[in-house]
Every structure is written in C-alpha cells, then in structure tokens.
Amino acid sequence: MSVTERPERPSRARRAFYAIPVIGWIARDIVEGGADNIYYLLVAVLSLWAIAVMTWGLPALAMPALALVPAIVVTLLLLTVGR
C-alpha cells in the first residue's frame, strides 16, 4: 500500500454490527481472521447444542428443527415454482 492510499474503513452498519458483544466479535473473526475461525465457530455451536440436549433433553433437541421449519417451507415453495 502506498503512502497516499488510505485503508478502506468499514461502513457504519458493519461497525455497529461488530460492536455487538459476542455475535459481532465472532463475525469479525470470521470475516477478518484466519480460515480456521469458521470451524471453531461450528465446534462451539455444536458443543453448546450438545450441552443443551444433556441439560434439557428432547425439547432442546427439537427446537432447532422447529426453528428451521420456515426455511424449509420457503425452500419447498421455491423448488415448486422452479427457481
């Protein structure tokens, strides 16, 4: 980078999103960090899910499936329309 070039500054919305305590820190690490950060995130999410299942049992196992129902319905609608 030459002396006259300034580094690109993130937008105000991105800076506000990065300011959220846990979610923003993880998002910044994924975008600006190394390539392994996404795998650390996946391991952390799966570990938290396993802990929730061990703590609360079947309801914790079913909640992600219930949360994904709208996404599956939209996917099925898009497949039926032909997109």
C-alpha atoms as a PDB file:
ATOM      1  CA  MET A   1       0.000   0.000   0.000  1.00  0.00           C
ATOM      2  CA  SER A   2       1.407   3.370  -0.929  1.00  0.00           C
ATOM      3  CA  VAL A   3       1.541   6.392   1.339  1.00  0.00           C
ATOM      4  CA  THR A   4      -1.339   8.198  -0.380  1.00  0.00           C
ATOM      5  CA  GLU A   5      -3.798   5.283  -0.106  1.00  0.00           C
ATOM      6  CA  ARG A   6      -5.943   5.040   2.964  1.00  0.00           C
ATOM      7  CA  PRO A   7      -7.187   1.674   4.203  1.00  0.00           C
ATOM      8  CA  GLU A   8     -10.832   1.010   3.469  1.00  0.00           C
ATOM      9  CA  ARG A   9     -12.955   1.783   6.504  1.00  0.00           C
ATOM     10  CA  PRO A  10     -15.953  -0.464   7.217  1.00  0.00           C
ATOM     11  CA  SER A  11     -19.408   1.029   6.832  1.00  0.00           C
ATOM     12  CA  ARG A  12     -21.326   2.396   9.795  1.00  0.00           C
ATOM     13  CA  ALA A  13     -23.718  -0.569   9.764  1.00  0.00           C
ATOM     14  CA  ARG A  14     -20.853  -3.060   9.772  1.00  0.00           C
ATOM     15  CA  ARG A  15     -19.131  -1.236  12.631  1.00  0.00           C
ATOM     16  CA  ALA A  16     -22.406  -1.230  14.588  1.00  0.00           C
ATOM     17  CA  PHE A  17     -22.837  -4.967  13.960  1.00  0.00           C
ATOM     18  CA  TYR A  18     -19.251  -5.639  15.053  1.00  0.00           C
ATOM     19  CA  ALA A  19     -19.940  -3.703  18.274  1.00  0.00           C
ATOM     20  CA  ILE A  20     -22.469  -6.320  19.467  1.00  0.00           C
ATOM     21  CA  PRO A  21     -20.602  -8.102  22.269  1.00  0.00           C
ATOM     22  CA  VAL A  22     -20.457 -11.799  21.325  1.00  0.00           C
ATOM     23  CA  ILE A  23     -22.049 -12.065  17.877  1.00  0.00           C
ATOM     24  CA  GLY A  24     -20.118  -9.120  16.460  1.00  0.00           C
ATOM     25  CA  TRP A  25     -16.805 -10.410  17.763  1.00  0.00           C
ATOM     26  CA  ILE A  26     -17.377 -13.800  16.179  1.00  0.00           C
ATOM     27  CA  ALA A  27     -18.495 -12.220  12.883  1.00  0.00           C
ATOM     28  CA  ARG A  28     -15.388 -10.007  12.771  1.00  0.00           C
ATOM     29  CA  ASP A  29     -13.143 -13.000  13.457  1.00  0.00           C
ATOM     30  CA  ILE A  30     -14.769 -14.958  10.643  1.00  0.00           C
ATOM     31  CA  VAL A  31     -14.540 -12.098   8.119  1.00  0.00           C
ATOM     32  CA  GLU A  32     -11.137 -10.670   9.009  1.00  0.00           C
ATOM     33  CA  GLY A  33      -9.455 -13.595  10.746  1.00  0.00           C
ATOM     34  CA  GLY A  34      -7.910 -16.823   9.586  1.00  0.00           C
ATOM     35  CA  ALA A  35      -9.606 -19.553   7.610  1.00  0.00           C
ATOM     36  CA  ASP A  36      -9.928 -21.829  10.660  1.00  0.00           C
ATOM     37  CA  ASN A  37     -12.256 -19.498  12.567  1.00  0.00           C
ATOM     38  CA  ILE A  38     -15.389 -20.873  10.891  1.00  0.00           C
ATOM     39  CA  TYR A  39     -14.517 -24.361  12.132  1.00  0.00           C
ATOM     40  CA  TYR A  40     -14.049 -23.080  15.681  1.00  0.00           C
ATOM     41  CA  LEU A  41     -17.494 -21.468  15.444  1.00  0.00           C
ATOM     42  CA  LEU A  42     -19.082 -24.718  14.230  1.00  0.00           C
ATOM     43  CA  VAL A  43     -17.465 -26.702  17.052  1.00  0.00           C
ATOM     44  CA  ALA A  44     -18.642 -24.121  19.607  1.00  0.00           C
ATOM     45  CA  VAL A  45     -22.239 -24.152  18.308  1.00  0.00           C
ATOM     46  CA  LEU A  46     -22.387 -27.958  18.226  1.00  0.00           C
ATOM     47  CA  SER A  47     -20.916 -28.126  21.726  1.00  0.00           C
ATOM     48  CA  LEU A  48     -23.499 -25.673  23.050  1.00  0.00           C
ATOM     49  CA  TRP A  49     -26.248 -27.691  21.400  1.00  0.00           C
ATOM     50  CA  ALA A  50     -24.928 -30.922  22.956  1.00  0.00           C
ATOM     51  CA  ILE A  51     -24.793 -29.256  26.387  1.00  0.00           C
ATOM     52  CA  ALA A  52     -28.373 -28.021  25.928  1.00  0.00           C
ATOM     53  CA  VAL A  53     -29.548 -31.526  24.995  1.00  0.00           C
ATOM     54  CA  MET A  54     -27.771 -33.001  28.014  1.00  0.00           C
ATOM     55  CA  THR A  55     -29.344 -30.349  30.254  1.00  0.00           C
ATOM     56  CA  TRP A  56     -32.913 -30.094  28.937  1.00  0.00           C
ATOM     57  CA  GLY A  57     -33.269 -33.287  26.904  1.00  0.00           C
ATOM     58  CA  LEU A  58     -35.656 -33.728  23.993  1.00  0.00           C
ATOM     59  CA  PRO A  59     -37.025 -30.138  23.889  1.00  0.00           C
ATOM     60  CA  ALA A  60     -33.508 -28.800  23.259  1.00  0.00           C
ATOM     61  CA  LEU A  61     -33.082 -31.375  20.509  1.00  0.00           C
ATOM     62  CA  ALA A  62     -36.352 -30.378  18.808  1.00  0.00           C
ATOM     63  CA  MET A  63     -36.000 -26.567  18.998  1.00  0.00           C
ATOM     64  CA  PRO A  64     -33.510 -26.193  16.075  1.00  0.00           C
ATOM     65  CA  ALA A  65     -35.790 -28.341  13.904  1.00  0.00           C
ATOM     66  CA  LEU A  66     -38.774 -26.147  14.755  1.00  0.00           C
ATOM     67  CA  ALA A  67     -36.734 -23.017  14.077  1.00  0.00           C
ATOM     68  CA  LEU A  68     -35.819 -24.304  10.596  1.00  0.00           C
ATOM     69  CA  VAL A  69     -39.421 -25.046   9.531  1.00  0.00           C
ATOM     70  CA  PRO A  70     -39.942 -21.634   7.819  1.00  0.00           C
ATOM     71  CA  ALA A  71     -36.695 -22.027   5.871  1.00  0.00           C
ATOM     72  CA  ILE A  72     -37.705 -25.486   4.682  1.00  0.00           C
ATOM     73  CA  VAL A  73     -41.174 -24.257   3.655  1.00  0.00           C
ATOM     74  CA  VAL A  74     -39.644 -21.402   1.638  1.00  0.00           C
ATOM     75  CA  THR A  75     -37.203 -23.846   0.022  1.00  0.00           C
ATOM     76  CA  LEU A  76     -40.035 -26.189  -0.942  1.00  0.00           C
ATOM     77  CA  LEU A  77     -42.049 -23.308  -2.374  1.00  0.00           C
ATOM     78  CA  LEU A  78     -39.080 -22.130  -4.443  1.00  0.00           C
ATOM     79  CA  LEU A  79     -38.497 -25.660  -5.710  1.00  0.00           C
ATOM     80  CA  THR A  80     -42.131 -25.987  -6.722  1.00  0.00           C
ATOM     81  CA  VAL A  81     -42.117 -22.693  -8.574  1.00  0.00           C
ATOM     82  CA  GLY A  82     -38.952 -23.741 -10.384  1.00  0.00           C
ATOM     83  CA  ARG A  83     -36.377 -21.292  -9.080  1.00  0.00           C
END
